[in-house]
């Protein structure tokens, strides 16, 4: 029996001028948004993953700060179970500052990526942002006591 793997990923929480930087994706006729970042490769630290992914997806150089949130995503427990199948991912969400570049679609965007956008924190409820738990958590800025384990949320 093949043992299923748990994927680890690093995500960037970049807030400037009361706006959150998000990757805009499009599929099934609608826009949806996620944080910049992606899967950790073997031999790569989480911060190195974050640096690589932000360059590939958003054309920016970054400085990774503290881990703010940690979440599990166990696909079978959520609305995209049919599409995502057996995915189990643990995401580490870091507070991040841009050190170089202006956010734009990077050199290696993901398959559904159509751009990058700054989403006003006060309007996050108007966007299909995943994990959706971030909408409430980020509406008033970052938590003072980090990291916060969010559990298995989408």
N, C-alpha and C. Protein backbone atom coordinates (compact mmCIF):
# COMPACT_ATOMS: atom_id res chain seq x y z
N UNK A 1 0.83 -1.18 0.00
CA UNK A 1 0.00 0.00 0.00
C UNK A 1 0.88 1.25 0.00
N UNK A 2 0.60 2.16 -0.90
CA UNK A 2 1.37 3.40 -1.00
C UNK A 2 0.91 4.38 0.08
N UNK A 3 1.87 4.90 0.81
CA UNK A 3 1.54 5.87 1.85
C UNK A 3 1.35 7.24 1.21
N UNK A 4 0.27 7.90 1.55
CA UNK A 4 0.00 9.23 1.02
C UNK A 4 0.86 10.24 1.75
N UNK A 5 1.26 11.27 1.04
CA UNK A 5 2.15 12.29 1.58
C UNK A 5 1.36 13.52 2.01
N UNK A 6 1.88 14.20 3.00
CA UNK A 6 1.36 15.50 3.41
C UNK A 6 2.30 16.54 2.80
N UNK A 7 1.71 17.48 2.09
CA UNK A 7 2.48 18.53 1.42
C UNK A 7 2.60 19.73 2.36
N UNK A 8 3.79 20.32 2.42
CA UNK A 8 3.97 21.56 3.18
C UNK A 8 4.12 22.72 2.20
N UNK A 9 3.59 23.86 2.58
CA UNK A 9 3.72 25.03 1.73
C UNK A 9 3.91 26.28 2.57
N UNK A 10 4.47 27.29 1.95
CA UNK A 10 4.69 28.58 2.58
C UNK A 10 3.88 29.63 1.82
N UNK A 11 3.19 30.48 2.56
CA UNK A 11 2.34 31.51 1.97
C UNK A 11 2.73 32.87 2.53
N UNK A 12 2.58 33.91 1.70
CA UNK A 12 2.97 35.27 2.07
C UNK A 12 1.74 36.11 2.40
N UNK A 13 1.76 36.70 3.58
CA UNK A 13 0.76 37.70 3.94
C UNK A 13 1.45 39.05 3.79
N UNK A 14 1.09 39.75 2.72
CA UNK A 14 1.70 41.04 2.40
C UNK A 14 0.60 42.09 2.48
N UNK A 15 0.71 42.98 3.45
CA UNK A 15 -0.28 44.04 3.63
C UNK A 15 0.42 45.39 3.50
N UNK A 16 -0.10 46.22 2.60
CA UNK A 16 0.38 47.59 2.42
C UNK A 16 -0.83 48.49 2.25
N UNK A 17 -0.82 49.62 2.93
CA UNK A 17 -1.90 50.60 2.79
C UNK A 17 -3.28 49.98 2.96
N UNK A 18 -3.40 49.12 3.98
CA UNK A 18 -4.68 48.47 4.29
C UNK A 18 -5.19 47.58 3.16
N UNK A 19 -4.26 47.03 2.36
CA UNK A 19 -4.61 46.12 1.27
C UNK A 19 -3.76 44.87 1.35
N UNK A 20 -4.34 43.74 0.97
CA UNK A 20 -3.69 42.44 0.97
C UNK A 20 -3.31 42.06 -0.46
N UNK A 21 -2.05 41.69 -0.67
CA UNK A 21 -1.64 41.21 -1.99
C UNK A 21 -2.12 39.78 -2.18
N UNK A 22 -2.82 39.55 -3.29
CA UNK A 22 -3.38 38.22 -3.57
C UNK A 22 -3.12 37.83 -5.01
N UNK A 23 -3.05 36.54 -5.24
CA UNK A 23 -2.94 35.98 -6.58
C UNK A 23 -4.36 35.78 -7.10
N UNK A 24 -4.65 36.38 -8.27
CA UNK A 24 -5.98 36.21 -8.87
C UNK A 24 -5.95 35.02 -9.81
N UNK A 25 -6.84 34.08 -9.56
CA UNK A 25 -6.99 32.89 -10.39
C UNK A 25 -8.35 32.93 -11.06
N UNK A 26 -8.48 32.17 -12.14
CA UNK A 26 -9.77 32.09 -12.84
C UNK A 26 -9.99 30.66 -13.29
N UNK A 27 -11.13 30.11 -12.90
CA UNK A 27 -11.55 28.79 -13.37
C UNK A 27 -13.04 28.66 -13.13
N UNK A 28 -13.67 27.78 -13.88
CA UNK A 28 -15.11 27.54 -13.77
C UNK A 28 -15.91 28.83 -13.84
N UNK A 29 -15.43 29.77 -14.65
CA UNK A 29 -16.16 31.01 -14.89
C UNK A 29 -16.10 32.05 -13.79
N UNK A 30 -15.18 31.89 -12.84
CA UNK A 30 -15.11 32.89 -11.77
C UNK A 30 -13.68 33.15 -11.32
N UNK A 31 -13.48 34.36 -10.79
CA UNK A 31 -12.21 34.73 -10.18
C UNK A 31 -12.19 34.22 -8.74
N UNK A 32 -11.01 33.79 -8.30
CA UNK A 32 -10.80 33.42 -6.90
C UNK A 32 -9.37 33.77 -6.55
N UNK A 33 -9.13 33.98 -5.27
CA UNK A 33 -7.88 34.56 -4.82
C UNK A 33 -7.22 33.70 -3.74
N UNK A 34 -5.91 33.67 -3.79
CA UNK A 34 -5.11 32.98 -2.78
C UNK A 34 -3.90 33.83 -2.44
N UNK A 35 -3.24 33.50 -1.37
CA UNK A 35 -2.01 34.18 -1.00
C UNK A 35 -0.88 33.72 -1.92
N UNK A 36 0.09 34.60 -2.21
CA UNK A 36 1.27 34.16 -2.95
C UNK A 36 1.99 33.07 -2.15
N UNK A 37 2.54 32.11 -2.85
CA UNK A 37 3.29 31.05 -2.18
C UNK A 37 2.99 29.71 -2.80
N UNK A 38 3.63 28.69 -2.26
CA UNK A 38 3.41 27.36 -2.82
C UNK A 38 4.18 26.29 -2.08
N UNK A 39 4.27 25.15 -2.74
CA UNK A 39 4.82 23.95 -2.14
C UNK A 39 6.32 23.98 -1.90
N UNK A 40 6.69 23.43 -0.77
CA UNK A 40 8.09 23.30 -0.39
C UNK A 40 8.71 22.14 -1.15
N UNK A 41 9.92 22.38 -1.69
CA UNK A 41 10.65 21.33 -2.38
C UNK A 41 11.66 20.69 -1.42
N UNK A 42 12.01 19.45 -1.71
CA UNK A 42 12.97 18.73 -0.87
C UNK A 42 14.28 19.52 -0.79
N UNK A 43 14.80 19.68 0.41
CA UNK A 43 16.05 20.38 0.62
C UNK A 43 15.90 21.89 0.71
N UNK A 44 14.68 22.39 0.68
CA UNK A 44 14.42 23.83 0.68
C UNK A 44 13.78 24.22 2.02
N UNK A 45 14.26 25.30 2.62
CA UNK A 45 13.62 25.79 3.84
C UNK A 45 12.30 26.47 3.49
N UNK A 46 11.44 26.64 4.47
CA UNK A 46 10.17 27.32 4.22
C UNK A 46 10.38 28.75 3.73
N UNK A 47 11.36 29.45 4.30
CA UNK A 47 11.60 30.83 3.84
C UNK A 47 12.16 30.84 2.42
N UNK A 48 13.00 29.88 2.08
CA UNK A 48 13.48 29.80 0.69
C UNK A 48 12.32 29.49 -0.26
N UNK A 49 11.39 28.64 0.17
CA UNK A 49 10.20 28.35 -0.63
C UNK A 49 9.43 29.63 -0.89
N UNK A 50 9.24 30.41 0.16
CA UNK A 50 8.48 31.66 0.05
C UNK A 50 9.15 32.64 -0.90
N UNK A 51 10.46 32.78 -0.79
CA UNK A 51 11.20 33.68 -1.67
C UNK A 51 11.05 33.24 -3.12
N UNK A 52 11.23 31.96 -3.39
CA UNK A 52 11.10 31.44 -4.76
C UNK A 52 9.69 31.64 -5.30
N UNK A 53 8.70 31.26 -4.52
CA UNK A 53 7.32 31.34 -4.99
C UNK A 53 6.87 32.78 -5.24
N UNK A 54 7.27 33.71 -4.39
CA UNK A 54 6.89 35.12 -4.60
C UNK A 54 7.52 35.67 -5.87
N UNK A 55 8.72 35.25 -6.17
CA UNK A 55 9.38 35.66 -7.42
C UNK A 55 8.65 35.04 -8.61
N UNK A 56 8.35 33.75 -8.55
CA UNK A 56 7.71 33.05 -9.66
C UNK A 56 6.28 33.53 -9.92
N UNK A 57 5.52 33.79 -8.88
CA UNK A 57 4.11 34.14 -9.04
C UNK A 57 3.83 35.63 -9.12
N UNK A 58 4.66 36.45 -8.45
CA UNK A 58 4.33 37.87 -8.35
C UNK A 58 5.48 38.81 -8.73
N UNK A 59 6.60 38.27 -9.21
CA UNK A 59 7.75 39.08 -9.66
C UNK A 59 8.29 40.01 -8.58
N UNK A 60 8.28 39.55 -7.33
CA UNK A 60 8.77 40.40 -6.25
C UNK A 60 9.83 39.68 -5.42
N UNK A 61 10.76 40.48 -4.93
CA UNK A 61 11.69 40.02 -3.92
C UNK A 61 11.08 40.32 -2.57
N UNK A 62 11.30 39.46 -1.61
CA UNK A 62 10.65 39.63 -0.30
C UNK A 62 11.61 39.35 0.85
N UNK A 63 11.19 39.82 2.01
CA UNK A 63 11.83 39.48 3.27
C UNK A 63 10.77 38.81 4.13
N UNK A 64 11.02 37.58 4.53
CA UNK A 64 10.05 36.83 5.33
C UNK A 64 10.22 37.15 6.80
N UNK A 65 9.10 37.48 7.43
CA UNK A 65 9.09 37.74 8.87
C UNK A 65 8.60 36.51 9.62
N UNK A 66 7.83 36.75 10.66
CA UNK A 66 7.34 35.68 11.52
C UNK A 66 6.21 34.89 10.86
N UNK A 67 6.05 33.65 11.31
CA UNK A 67 4.87 32.87 10.94
C UNK A 67 3.69 33.44 11.71
N UNK A 68 2.61 33.76 10.98
CA UNK A 68 1.42 34.35 11.58
C UNK A 68 0.34 33.29 11.79
N UNK A 69 0.09 32.50 10.76
CA UNK A 69 -0.95 31.46 10.82
C UNK A 69 -0.39 30.14 10.31
N UNK A 70 -0.93 29.06 10.84
CA UNK A 70 -0.67 27.71 10.33
C UNK A 70 -2.03 27.08 10.12
N UNK A 71 -2.21 26.42 8.98
CA UNK A 71 -3.49 25.74 8.76
C UNK A 71 -3.27 24.40 8.09
N UNK A 72 -4.18 23.50 8.37
CA UNK A 72 -4.29 22.26 7.62
C UNK A 72 -5.34 22.47 6.55
N UNK A 73 -5.13 21.87 5.41
CA UNK A 73 -6.18 21.79 4.38
C UNK A 73 -6.28 20.31 4.01
N UNK A 74 -7.34 19.68 4.50
CA UNK A 74 -7.62 18.29 4.18
C UNK A 74 -8.80 18.32 3.22
N UNK A 75 -8.51 18.18 1.94
CA UNK A 75 -9.48 18.43 0.88
C UNK A 75 -10.79 17.68 1.05
N UNK A 76 -10.72 16.45 1.49
CA UNK A 76 -11.94 15.65 1.62
C UNK A 76 -12.96 16.25 2.58
N UNK A 77 -12.53 17.19 3.42
CA UNK A 77 -13.42 17.81 4.39
C UNK A 77 -14.04 19.12 3.90
N UNK A 78 -13.78 19.49 2.63
CA UNK A 78 -14.19 20.82 2.18
C UNK A 78 -14.90 20.80 0.84
N UNK A 79 -15.33 21.98 0.42
CA UNK A 79 -16.17 22.12 -0.77
C UNK A 79 -15.52 21.66 -2.06
N UNK A 80 -14.20 21.61 -2.13
CA UNK A 80 -13.52 21.21 -3.36
C UNK A 80 -13.01 19.78 -3.30
N UNK A 81 -13.62 18.96 -2.48
CA UNK A 81 -13.18 17.57 -2.29
C UNK A 81 -13.10 16.81 -3.61
N UNK A 82 -14.06 17.03 -4.48
CA UNK A 82 -14.08 16.31 -5.76
C UNK A 82 -12.89 16.70 -6.64
N UNK A 83 -12.57 18.00 -6.67
CA UNK A 83 -11.46 18.48 -7.50
C UNK A 83 -10.09 18.18 -6.87
N UNK A 84 -10.00 18.36 -5.56
CA UNK A 84 -8.71 18.26 -4.88
C UNK A 84 -8.38 16.87 -4.37
N UNK A 85 -9.37 15.98 -4.36
CA UNK A 85 -9.13 14.59 -4.01
C UNK A 85 -8.48 14.36 -2.67
N UNK A 86 -7.34 13.70 -2.69
CA UNK A 86 -6.67 13.27 -1.46
C UNK A 86 -5.64 14.27 -0.93
N UNK A 87 -5.73 15.51 -1.35
CA UNK A 87 -4.74 16.50 -0.91
C UNK A 87 -4.85 16.74 0.59
N UNK A 88 -3.71 16.70 1.24
CA UNK A 88 -3.57 17.14 2.63
C UNK A 88 -2.34 18.04 2.64
N UNK A 89 -2.58 19.31 2.93
CA UNK A 89 -1.51 20.30 2.89
C UNK A 89 -1.47 21.05 4.21
N UNK A 90 -0.26 21.30 4.69
CA UNK A 90 -0.06 22.15 5.86
C UNK A 90 0.59 23.43 5.36
N UNK A 91 -0.08 24.55 5.62
CA UNK A 91 0.40 25.85 5.14
C UNK A 91 0.93 26.69 6.30
N UNK A 92 2.09 27.28 6.08
CA UNK A 92 2.70 28.20 7.03
C UNK A 92 2.63 29.58 6.39
N UNK A 93 1.86 30.47 7.02
CA UNK A 93 1.64 31.81 6.46
C UNK A 93 2.50 32.81 7.21
N UNK A 94 3.39 33.45 6.46
CA UNK A 94 4.37 34.37 7.02
C UNK A 94 3.97 35.83 6.79
N UNK A 95 4.33 36.68 7.74
CA UNK A 95 4.26 38.12 7.51
C UNK A 95 5.44 38.45 6.59
N UNK A 96 5.17 39.15 5.50
CA UNK A 96 6.18 39.37 4.48
C UNK A 96 6.22 40.84 4.06
N UNK A 97 7.42 41.33 3.80
CA UNK A 97 7.62 42.68 3.26
C UNK A 97 8.22 42.56 1.86
N UNK A 98 7.77 43.41 0.95
CA UNK A 98 8.35 43.45 -0.40
C UNK A 98 9.65 44.25 -0.33
N UNK A 99 10.72 43.68 -0.86
CA UNK A 99 12.02 44.36 -0.86
C UNK A 99 12.46 44.79 -2.25
N UNK A 100 11.82 44.19 -3.28
CA UNK A 100 12.26 44.47 -4.65
C UNK A 100 11.11 44.19 -5.61
N UNK A 101 10.92 45.10 -6.57
CA UNK A 101 9.95 44.87 -7.62
C UNK A 101 8.56 45.40 -7.31
N UNK A 102 7.75 45.41 -8.35
CA UNK A 102 6.34 45.79 -8.26
C UNK A 102 5.52 44.55 -8.57
N UNK A 103 4.56 44.21 -7.73
CA UNK A 103 3.79 42.98 -7.98
C UNK A 103 3.14 42.94 -9.36
N UNK A 104 3.41 41.87 -10.07
CA UNK A 104 2.81 41.59 -11.38
C UNK A 104 2.94 40.09 -11.60
N UNK A 105 2.24 39.57 -12.60
CA UNK A 105 2.33 38.14 -12.87
C UNK A 105 3.78 37.75 -13.12
N UNK A 106 4.24 36.75 -12.43
CA UNK A 106 5.63 36.34 -12.49
C UNK A 106 5.96 35.45 -13.67
N UNK A 107 7.18 34.97 -13.68
CA UNK A 107 7.70 34.17 -14.80
C UNK A 107 7.16 32.74 -14.81
N UNK A 108 6.70 32.24 -13.69
CA UNK A 108 6.18 30.87 -13.60
C UNK A 108 4.85 30.85 -12.86
N UNK A 109 3.82 31.47 -13.43
CA UNK A 109 2.52 31.47 -12.74
C UNK A 109 1.91 30.08 -12.72
N UNK A 110 1.06 29.85 -11.72
CA UNK A 110 0.33 28.59 -11.67
C UNK A 110 -0.69 28.54 -12.80
N UNK A 111 -1.20 27.36 -13.09
CA UNK A 111 -2.05 27.14 -14.26
C UNK A 111 -3.29 28.03 -14.31
N UNK A 112 -3.91 28.31 -13.17
CA UNK A 112 -5.12 29.13 -13.15
C UNK A 112 -4.85 30.61 -12.90
N UNK A 113 -3.59 30.97 -12.65
CA UNK A 113 -3.26 32.35 -12.29
C UNK A 113 -3.46 33.28 -13.47
N UNK A 114 -4.15 34.41 -13.20
CA UNK A 114 -4.41 35.42 -14.22
C UNK A 114 -3.84 36.78 -13.85
N UNK A 115 -3.32 36.92 -12.65
CA UNK A 115 -2.76 38.20 -12.25
C UNK A 115 -2.54 38.27 -10.75
N UNK A 116 -2.17 39.46 -10.31
CA UNK A 116 -2.05 39.76 -8.88
C UNK A 116 -2.87 41.01 -8.61
N UNK A 117 -3.46 41.09 -7.43
CA UNK A 117 -4.29 42.25 -7.09
C UNK A 117 -4.11 42.60 -5.62
N UNK A 118 -4.27 43.89 -5.34
CA UNK A 118 -4.33 44.36 -3.97
C UNK A 118 -5.79 44.41 -3.55
N UNK A 119 -6.17 43.64 -2.54
CA UNK A 119 -7.55 43.58 -2.07
C UNK A 119 -7.69 44.41 -0.79
N UNK A 120 -8.59 45.40 -0.78
CA UNK A 120 -8.78 46.19 0.44
C UNK A 120 -9.23 45.30 1.61
N UNK A 121 -8.56 45.42 2.74
CA UNK A 121 -8.89 44.59 3.90
C UNK A 121 -10.35 44.73 4.30
N UNK A 122 -10.88 45.94 4.23
CA UNK A 122 -12.26 46.18 4.65
C UNK A 122 -13.27 45.53 3.72
N UNK A 123 -12.84 45.15 2.51
CA UNK A 123 -13.75 44.58 1.51
C UNK A 123 -13.50 43.09 1.25
N UNK A 124 -12.72 42.42 2.08
CA UNK A 124 -12.36 41.02 1.81
C UNK A 124 -13.58 40.12 1.67
N UNK A 125 -14.68 40.45 2.34
CA UNK A 125 -15.89 39.63 2.23
C UNK A 125 -16.45 39.60 0.81
N UNK A 126 -16.06 40.57 -0.02
CA UNK A 126 -16.56 40.65 -1.39
C UNK A 126 -15.76 39.80 -2.38
N UNK A 127 -14.73 39.12 -1.89
CA UNK A 127 -13.85 38.34 -2.76
C UNK A 127 -13.90 36.86 -2.39
N UNK A 128 -13.73 36.00 -3.39
CA UNK A 128 -13.60 34.56 -3.15
C UNK A 128 -12.13 34.30 -2.79
N UNK A 129 -11.78 34.59 -1.54
CA UNK A 129 -10.42 34.45 -1.03
C UNK A 129 -10.33 33.16 -0.24
N UNK A 130 -9.28 32.39 -0.53
CA UNK A 130 -9.06 31.12 0.18
C UNK A 130 -7.69 31.13 0.84
N UNK A 131 -7.60 30.65 2.09
CA UNK A 131 -8.71 30.15 2.88
C UNK A 131 -9.63 31.29 3.31
N UNK A 132 -10.92 31.05 3.25
CA UNK A 132 -11.89 32.10 3.56
C UNK A 132 -11.82 32.54 5.02
N UNK A 133 -11.25 31.72 5.88
CA UNK A 133 -11.07 32.10 7.29
C UNK A 133 -10.23 33.37 7.42
N UNK A 134 -9.39 33.66 6.41
CA UNK A 134 -8.55 34.85 6.46
C UNK A 134 -9.36 36.14 6.40
N UNK A 135 -10.52 36.10 5.78
CA UNK A 135 -11.32 37.32 5.63
C UNK A 135 -11.59 37.96 6.99
N UNK A 136 -12.08 37.19 7.90
CA UNK A 136 -12.39 37.70 9.24
C UNK A 136 -11.11 38.02 10.02
N UNK A 137 -10.11 37.17 9.89
CA UNK A 137 -8.88 37.33 10.66
C UNK A 137 -8.07 38.56 10.26
N UNK A 138 -8.09 38.91 8.96
CA UNK A 138 -7.26 40.01 8.48
C UNK A 138 -7.99 41.34 8.38
N UNK A 139 -9.29 41.31 8.57
CA UNK A 139 -10.09 42.53 8.41
C UNK A 139 -9.55 43.68 9.27
N UNK A 140 -9.00 43.36 10.42
CA UNK A 140 -8.51 44.39 11.34
C UNK A 140 -6.99 44.31 11.51
N UNK A 141 -6.30 43.75 10.53
CA UNK A 141 -4.86 43.65 10.59
C UNK A 141 -4.39 42.31 11.13
N UNK A 142 -3.11 42.21 11.37
CA UNK A 142 -2.51 40.95 11.81
C UNK A 142 -2.66 40.75 13.32
N UNK A 143 -2.75 39.50 13.76
CA UNK A 143 -2.88 39.24 15.20
C UNK A 143 -1.59 39.60 15.93
N UNK A 144 -1.74 39.95 17.20
CA UNK A 144 -0.57 40.31 18.00
C UNK A 144 0.15 39.08 18.54
N UNK A 145 -0.58 38.03 18.79
CA UNK A 145 0.01 36.80 19.32
C UNK A 145 0.11 35.77 18.21
N UNK A 146 1.31 35.60 17.68
CA UNK A 146 1.45 34.62 16.61
C UNK A 146 2.40 33.53 17.05
N UNK A 147 2.43 32.40 16.39
CA UNK A 147 1.50 32.01 15.32
C UNK A 147 0.18 31.47 15.88
N UNK A 148 -0.83 31.53 15.04
CA UNK A 148 -2.15 31.04 15.39
C UNK A 148 -2.45 29.82 14.52
N UNK A 149 -2.77 28.70 15.17
CA UNK A 149 -3.14 27.50 14.42
C UNK A 149 -4.63 27.60 14.10
N UNK A 150 -4.97 27.57 12.81
CA UNK A 150 -6.35 27.74 12.37
C UNK A 150 -7.12 26.44 12.29
N UNK A 151 -6.42 25.31 12.31
CA UNK A 151 -7.08 24.02 12.15
C UNK A 151 -7.28 23.69 10.68
N UNK A 152 -8.21 22.78 10.42
CA UNK A 152 -8.52 22.34 9.06
C UNK A 152 -9.60 23.26 8.50
N UNK A 153 -9.16 24.35 7.88
CA UNK A 153 -10.10 25.36 7.36
C UNK A 153 -9.87 25.59 5.88
N UNK A 154 -10.91 26.10 5.23
CA UNK A 154 -10.80 26.57 3.86
C UNK A 154 -11.54 27.84 3.78
